[in-house]
Amino acid sequence: MNKKTLPPPPDFDSPEEARDIIHFLWNKLAELEDRLNPNSRKSSVPSSQQALHSKAKNTLILPQ
C-alpha cells in the first residue's frame, strides 16, 4: 500500500479555528469510512438486486 507524505499539521490562530478544522476533518473521516464500509442502507442498489451474501446475515430459516 502506498502511503502519501502528509504536510505538517496547521498552526491555529484561535481555538475557534482549531474547532472548525477538527469538525471538517471529523466529517471527512466519516465520509471516507462510509466509502470503505458500504452497507445496504447507504447503497444505491435496491436490496432486491443485491447479492445474497450481502443481505441480512442473522436470518434463520426453519424447516416447515
C-alpha atoms as a PDB file:
ATOM      1  CA  MET A   1       0.000   0.000   0.000  1.00  0.00           C
ATOM      2  CA  ASN A   2       1.360   3.394  -0.956  1.00  0.00           C
ATOM      3  CA  LYS A   3       1.435   5.994   1.767  1.00  0.00           C
ATOM      4  CA  LYS A   4       1.250   9.677   0.948  1.00  0.00           C
ATOM      5  CA  THR A   5       3.501  12.087   2.733  1.00  0.00           C
ATOM      6  CA  LEU A   6       1.276  14.448   4.676  1.00  0.00           C
ATOM      7  CA  PRO A   7       2.064  18.103   5.152  1.00  0.00           C
ATOM      8  CA  PRO A   8       2.727  19.239   8.708  1.00  0.00           C
ATOM      9  CA  PRO A   9      -0.367  19.997  10.778  1.00  0.00           C
ATOM     10  CA  PRO A  10      -1.548  23.597  10.672  1.00  0.00           C
ATOM     11  CA  ASP A  11      -0.881  26.145  13.367  1.00  0.00           C
ATOM     12  CA  PHE A  12      -4.114  27.563  14.726  1.00  0.00           C
ATOM     13  CA  ASP A  13      -4.627  31.238  15.376  1.00  0.00           C
ATOM     14  CA  SER A  14      -7.580  30.660  17.695  1.00  0.00           C
ATOM     15  CA  PRO A  15      -9.486  27.875  19.464  1.00  0.00           C
ATOM     16  CA  GLU A  16     -12.412  28.560  17.105  1.00  0.00           C
ATOM     17  CA  GLU A  17     -10.234  27.944  14.057  1.00  0.00           C
ATOM     18  CA  ALA A  18      -8.977  24.703  15.608  1.00  0.00           C
ATOM     19  CA  ARG A  19     -12.568  23.633  16.334  1.00  0.00           C
ATOM     20  CA  ASP A  20     -13.655  24.375  12.752  1.00  0.00           C
ATOM     21  CA  ILE A  21     -10.813  22.347  11.283  1.00  0.00           C
ATOM     22  CA  ILE A  22     -11.465  19.447  13.678  1.00  0.00           C
ATOM     23  CA  HIS A  23     -15.143  19.400  12.632  1.00  0.00           C
ATOM     24  CA  PHE A  24     -14.176  19.475   8.950  1.00  0.00           C
ATOM     25  CA  LEU A  25     -11.717  16.609   9.380  1.00  0.00           C
ATOM     26  CA  TRP A  26     -14.184  14.604  11.515  1.00  0.00           C
ATOM     27  CA  ASN A  27     -16.799  14.843   8.764  1.00  0.00           C
ATOM     28  CA  LYS A  28     -14.245  13.931   6.098  1.00  0.00           C
ATOM     29  CA  LEU A  29     -13.205  10.870   8.121  1.00  0.00           C
ATOM     30  CA  ALA A  30     -16.829   9.750   8.413  1.00  0.00           C
ATOM     31  CA  GLU A  31     -17.295  10.185   4.652  1.00  0.00           C
ATOM     32  CA  LEU A  32     -14.196   8.117   3.856  1.00  0.00           C
ATOM     33  CA  GLU A  33     -15.182   5.374   6.317  1.00  0.00           C
ATOM     34  CA  ASP A  34     -18.603   5.189   4.672  1.00  0.00           C
ATOM     35  CA  ARG A  35     -16.921   4.672   1.314  1.00  0.00           C
ATOM     36  CA  LEU A  36     -14.760   1.875   2.723  1.00  0.00           C
ATOM     37  CA  ASN A  37     -17.613   0.124   4.519  1.00  0.00           C
ATOM     38  CA  PRO A  38     -20.691   0.361   2.333  1.00  0.00           C
ATOM     39  CA  ASN A  39     -23.855  -1.362   3.507  1.00  0.00           C
ATOM     40  CA  SER A  40     -27.308  -1.838   2.059  1.00  0.00           C
ATOM     41  CA  ARG A  41     -28.739   1.171   3.908  1.00  0.00           C
ATOM     42  CA  LYS A  42     -26.428   3.522   2.063  1.00  0.00           C
ATOM     43  CA  SER A  43     -26.296   1.650  -1.216  1.00  0.00           C
ATOM     44  CA  SER A  44     -27.889   2.920  -4.398  1.00  0.00           C
ATOM     45  CA  VAL A  45     -28.654  -0.692  -5.365  1.00  0.00           C
ATOM     46  CA  PRO A  46     -32.104  -1.866  -4.201  1.00  0.00           C
ATOM     47  CA  SER A  47     -31.984  -4.711  -1.676  1.00  0.00           C
ATOM     48  CA  SER A  48     -33.862  -6.957  -4.127  1.00  0.00           C
ATOM     49  CA  GLN A  49     -30.913  -6.681  -6.533  1.00  0.00           C
ATOM     50  CA  GLN A  50     -28.116  -7.222  -4.006  1.00  0.00           C
ATOM     51  CA  ALA A  51     -26.182 -10.460  -3.933  1.00  0.00           C
ATOM     52  CA  LEU A  52     -27.456 -12.983  -1.403  1.00  0.00           C
ATOM     53  CA  HIS A  53     -24.269 -12.834   0.681  1.00  0.00           C
ATOM     54  CA  SER A  54     -24.721  -9.086   1.244  1.00  0.00           C
ATOM     55  CA  LYS A  55     -28.265  -9.373   2.609  1.00  0.00           C
ATOM     56  CA  ALA A  56     -29.091  -9.858   6.296  1.00  0.00           C
ATOM     57  CA  LYS A  57     -26.793 -12.396   7.895  1.00  0.00           C
ATOM     58  CA  ASN A  58     -28.774 -13.153  11.041  1.00  0.00           C
ATOM     59  CA  THR A  59     -31.743 -14.641   9.242  1.00  0.00           C
ATOM     60  CA  LEU A  60     -32.600 -18.167  10.337  1.00  0.00           C
ATOM     61  CA  ILE A  61     -34.766 -20.252   8.037  1.00  0.00           C
ATOM     62  CA  LEU A  62     -36.602 -23.028   9.849  1.00  0.00           C
ATOM     63  CA  PRO A  63     -37.976 -26.076   8.020  1.00  0.00           C
ATOM     64  CA  GLN A  64     -41.782 -26.284   7.966  1.00  0.00           C
END
